[in-house]
Amino acid sequence: MVCSCNLNVKIINVGGIDAGITCLYDAFAQVKKLNLNDESILKDELLKQIRSFGNYVPQRREEIYKEALLKEYKKYFQL
């Protein structure tokens, strides 16, 4: 996926650790278009999207990232 954010990195708190996520808001926009209501599916899609922009997420920390991404997603869209 092509990132329109010019590799803009946003720092979010992931399980008590600051993590830089490239193209976070572009990933959020892609997920928003899907109009997902189920939080479990939403978290899976958020993780999928940030990975599609080249962000590395260790498999053992996937759930922690999903929670952090969902929190930031809700804050970003004021849900």
N, C-alpha and C. Protein backbone atom coordinates (compact mmCIF):
# COMPACT_ATOMS: atom_id res chain seq x y z
N MET A 1 0.84 -1.18 0.00
CA MET A 1 0.00 0.00 0.00
C MET A 1 0.89 1.24 0.00
N VAL A 2 0.48 2.23 -0.74
CA VAL A 2 1.23 3.48 -0.82
C VAL A 2 0.76 4.42 0.27
N CYS A 3 1.71 5.00 0.94
CA CYS A 3 1.41 5.92 2.05
C CYS A 3 1.44 7.36 1.56
N SER A 4 0.37 8.08 1.79
CA SER A 4 0.31 9.48 1.38
C SER A 4 0.80 10.42 2.49
N CYS A 5 1.26 9.85 3.59
CA CYS A 5 1.64 10.69 4.73
C CYS A 5 3.12 11.04 4.74
N ASN A 6 3.83 10.71 3.67
CA ASN A 6 5.27 10.99 3.59
C ASN A 6 6.04 10.42 4.77
N LEU A 7 5.67 9.21 5.14
CA LEU A 7 6.31 8.48 6.23
C LEU A 7 6.22 9.21 7.56
N ASN A 8 5.14 9.91 7.76
CA ASN A 8 4.88 10.58 9.01
C ASN A 8 4.69 9.53 10.10
N VAL A 9 5.44 9.65 11.17
CA VAL A 9 5.39 8.68 12.26
C VAL A 9 4.66 9.29 13.44
N LYS A 10 3.69 8.57 13.94
CA LYS A 10 2.96 8.98 15.14
C LYS A 10 3.39 8.07 16.29
N ILE A 11 3.59 8.65 17.43
CA ILE A 11 3.97 7.89 18.62
C ILE A 11 2.72 7.59 19.42
N ILE A 12 2.50 6.30 19.71
CA ILE A 12 1.38 5.91 20.57
C ILE A 12 1.92 5.03 21.70
N ASN A 13 1.16 4.99 22.79
CA ASN A 13 1.53 4.15 23.91
C ASN A 13 0.99 2.75 23.68
N VAL A 14 1.89 1.78 23.67
CA VAL A 14 1.52 0.39 23.47
C VAL A 14 1.99 -0.40 24.68
N GLY A 15 1.06 -0.70 25.55
CA GLY A 15 1.40 -1.47 26.74
C GLY A 15 2.45 -0.82 27.62
N GLY A 16 2.40 0.51 27.73
CA GLY A 16 3.33 1.23 28.58
C GLY A 16 4.62 1.65 27.89
N ILE A 17 4.74 1.34 26.60
CA ILE A 17 5.93 1.67 25.84
C ILE A 17 5.53 2.53 24.64
N ASP A 18 6.28 3.61 24.40
CA ASP A 18 6.01 4.43 23.23
C ASP A 18 6.48 3.70 21.98
N ALA A 19 5.60 3.66 20.98
CA ALA A 19 5.91 3.00 19.71
C ALA A 19 5.59 3.95 18.57
N GLY A 20 6.48 4.02 17.60
CA GLY A 20 6.26 4.83 16.42
C GLY A 20 5.53 4.03 15.36
N ILE A 21 4.44 4.57 14.86
CA ILE A 21 3.65 3.91 13.82
C ILE A 21 3.65 4.80 12.58
N THR A 22 4.13 4.26 11.49
CA THR A 22 4.16 4.98 10.22
C THR A 22 2.78 4.95 9.59
N CYS A 23 2.33 6.09 9.10
CA CYS A 23 1.07 6.22 8.35
C CYS A 23 -0.15 5.79 9.18
N LEU A 24 -0.14 6.08 10.44
CA LEU A 24 -1.23 5.67 11.33
C LEU A 24 -2.58 6.20 10.86
N TYR A 25 -2.63 7.48 10.52
CA TYR A 25 -3.92 8.07 10.15
C TYR A 25 -4.40 7.58 8.79
N ASP A 26 -3.47 7.25 7.90
CA ASP A 26 -3.86 6.64 6.62
C ASP A 26 -4.48 5.26 6.88
N ALA A 27 -3.90 4.51 7.80
CA ALA A 27 -4.44 3.20 8.16
C ALA A 27 -5.83 3.37 8.76
N PHE A 28 -5.99 4.36 9.64
CA PHE A 28 -7.30 4.62 10.23
C PHE A 28 -8.34 4.93 9.16
N ALA A 29 -7.96 5.73 8.18
CA ALA A 29 -8.89 6.10 7.09
C ALA A 29 -9.33 4.87 6.31
N GLN A 30 -8.40 3.96 6.06
CA GLN A 30 -8.73 2.74 5.33
C GLN A 30 -9.73 1.90 6.12
N VAL A 31 -9.51 1.79 7.41
CA VAL A 31 -10.40 0.99 8.27
C VAL A 31 -11.77 1.65 8.38
N LYS A 32 -11.80 2.96 8.51
CA LYS A 32 -13.07 3.69 8.64
C LYS A 32 -13.98 3.42 7.45
N LYS A 33 -13.40 3.32 6.25
CA LYS A 33 -14.17 3.06 5.04
C LYS A 33 -14.93 1.73 5.10
N LEU A 34 -14.45 0.81 5.91
CA LEU A 34 -15.06 -0.52 6.01
C LEU A 34 -16.31 -0.53 6.88
N ASN A 35 -16.51 0.54 7.65
CA ASN A 35 -17.70 0.68 8.50
C ASN A 35 -17.94 -0.55 9.39
N LEU A 36 -16.91 -0.95 10.11
CA LEU A 36 -16.98 -2.13 10.97
C LEU A 36 -17.57 -1.78 12.33
N ASN A 37 -18.42 -2.65 12.84
CA ASN A 37 -19.05 -2.43 14.15
C ASN A 37 -18.52 -3.37 15.22
N ASP A 38 -18.10 -4.54 14.83
CA ASP A 38 -17.60 -5.54 15.77
C ASP A 38 -16.17 -5.16 16.18
N GLU A 39 -15.95 -4.90 17.48
CA GLU A 39 -14.64 -4.44 17.94
C GLU A 39 -13.54 -5.45 17.69
N SER A 40 -13.82 -6.72 17.77
CA SER A 40 -12.81 -7.74 17.51
C SER A 40 -12.33 -7.68 16.06
N ILE A 41 -13.27 -7.56 15.15
CA ILE A 41 -12.93 -7.44 13.73
C ILE A 41 -12.24 -6.12 13.46
N LEU A 42 -12.68 -5.08 14.11
CA LEU A 42 -12.08 -3.76 13.97
C LEU A 42 -10.61 -3.79 14.40
N LYS A 43 -10.33 -4.40 15.54
CA LYS A 43 -8.95 -4.50 16.02
C LYS A 43 -8.08 -5.30 15.05
N ASP A 44 -8.62 -6.40 14.53
CA ASP A 44 -7.87 -7.20 13.56
C ASP A 44 -7.54 -6.38 12.32
N GLU A 45 -8.50 -5.61 11.85
CA GLU A 45 -8.30 -4.81 10.65
C GLU A 45 -7.32 -3.67 10.89
N LEU A 46 -7.37 -3.06 12.06
CA LEU A 46 -6.41 -2.01 12.40
C LEU A 46 -4.98 -2.55 12.35
N LEU A 47 -4.78 -3.72 12.94
CA LEU A 47 -3.45 -4.33 12.93
C LEU A 47 -3.03 -4.66 11.50
N LYS A 48 -3.94 -5.22 10.74
CA LYS A 48 -3.66 -5.57 9.34
C LYS A 48 -3.24 -4.32 8.55
N GLN A 49 -3.96 -3.24 8.75
CA GLN A 49 -3.67 -2.01 8.01
C GLN A 49 -2.32 -1.40 8.38
N ILE A 50 -1.99 -1.36 9.67
CA ILE A 50 -0.70 -0.75 10.00
C ILE A 50 0.44 -1.62 9.47
N ARG A 51 0.24 -2.91 9.46
CA ARG A 51 1.25 -3.80 8.87
C ARG A 51 1.37 -3.56 7.36
N SER A 52 0.26 -3.27 6.71
CA SER A 52 0.29 -3.04 5.26
C SER A 52 1.12 -1.80 4.91
N PHE A 53 1.30 -0.90 5.87
CA PHE A 53 2.12 0.28 5.67
C PHE A 53 3.57 0.05 6.11
N GLY A 54 3.91 -1.19 6.38
CA GLY A 54 5.29 -1.54 6.69
C GLY A 54 5.68 -1.51 8.15
N ASN A 55 4.71 -1.35 9.04
CA ASN A 55 4.99 -1.35 10.47
C ASN A 55 5.17 -2.79 10.95
N TYR A 56 6.20 -3.00 11.75
CA TYR A 56 6.46 -4.32 12.31
C TYR A 56 5.79 -4.45 13.67
N VAL A 57 5.05 -5.53 13.85
CA VAL A 57 4.42 -5.82 15.14
C VAL A 57 4.78 -7.27 15.48
N PRO A 58 5.53 -7.47 16.56
CA PRO A 58 5.87 -8.84 16.96
C PRO A 58 4.61 -9.63 17.27
N GLN A 59 4.57 -10.87 16.84
CA GLN A 59 3.39 -11.70 17.04
C GLN A 59 2.99 -11.79 18.51
N ARG A 60 3.96 -11.84 19.39
CA ARG A 60 3.66 -11.99 20.82
C ARG A 60 3.04 -10.73 21.43
N ARG A 61 3.10 -9.60 20.69
CA ARG A 61 2.54 -8.34 21.20
C ARG A 61 1.31 -7.89 20.40
N GLU A 62 0.80 -8.75 19.56
CA GLU A 62 -0.34 -8.37 18.72
C GLU A 62 -1.53 -7.87 19.51
N GLU A 63 -1.92 -8.56 20.56
CA GLU A 63 -3.10 -8.17 21.33
C GLU A 63 -2.91 -6.80 21.99
N ILE A 64 -1.71 -6.55 22.48
CA ILE A 64 -1.42 -5.27 23.11
C ILE A 64 -1.51 -4.15 22.07
N TYR A 65 -0.98 -4.40 20.88
CA TYR A 65 -1.08 -3.42 19.80
C TYR A 65 -2.52 -3.19 19.40
N LYS A 66 -3.29 -4.25 19.30
CA LYS A 66 -4.70 -4.12 18.91
C LYS A 66 -5.45 -3.20 19.87
N GLU A 67 -5.23 -3.39 21.16
CA GLU A 67 -5.89 -2.56 22.16
C GLU A 67 -5.46 -1.10 22.03
N ALA A 68 -4.17 -0.89 21.86
CA ALA A 68 -3.65 0.48 21.73
C ALA A 68 -4.17 1.14 20.46
N LEU A 69 -4.21 0.39 19.37
CA LEU A 69 -4.71 0.94 18.10
C LEU A 69 -6.18 1.29 18.19
N LEU A 70 -6.96 0.42 18.82
CA LEU A 70 -8.39 0.69 18.97
C LEU A 70 -8.61 1.96 19.80
N LYS A 71 -7.85 2.10 20.87
CA LYS A 71 -7.97 3.30 21.71
C LYS A 71 -7.66 4.56 20.90
N GLU A 72 -6.58 4.53 20.13
CA GLU A 72 -6.20 5.69 19.31
C GLU A 72 -7.21 5.95 18.20
N TYR A 73 -7.73 4.89 17.62
CA TYR A 73 -8.74 5.00 16.56
C TYR A 73 -9.98 5.70 17.09
N LYS A 74 -10.45 5.26 18.24
CA LYS A 74 -11.64 5.88 18.85
C LYS A 74 -11.39 7.35 19.20
N LYS A 75 -10.20 7.62 19.71
CA LYS A 75 -9.86 9.00 20.05
C LYS A 75 -9.79 9.86 18.78
N TYR A 76 -9.19 9.33 17.74
CA TYR A 76 -9.02 10.08 16.49
C TYR A 76 -10.38 10.44 15.87
N PHE A 77 -11.31 9.47 15.87
CA PHE A 77 -12.63 9.71 15.27
C PHE A 77 -13.66 10.15 16.32
N GLN A 78 -13.21 10.37 17.56
CA GLN A 78 -14.09 10.81 18.64
C GLN A 78 -15.32 9.90 18.79
N LEU A 79 -15.04 8.60 18.87
CA LEU A 79 -16.11 7.60 19.02
C LEU A 79 -16.34 7.28 20.48
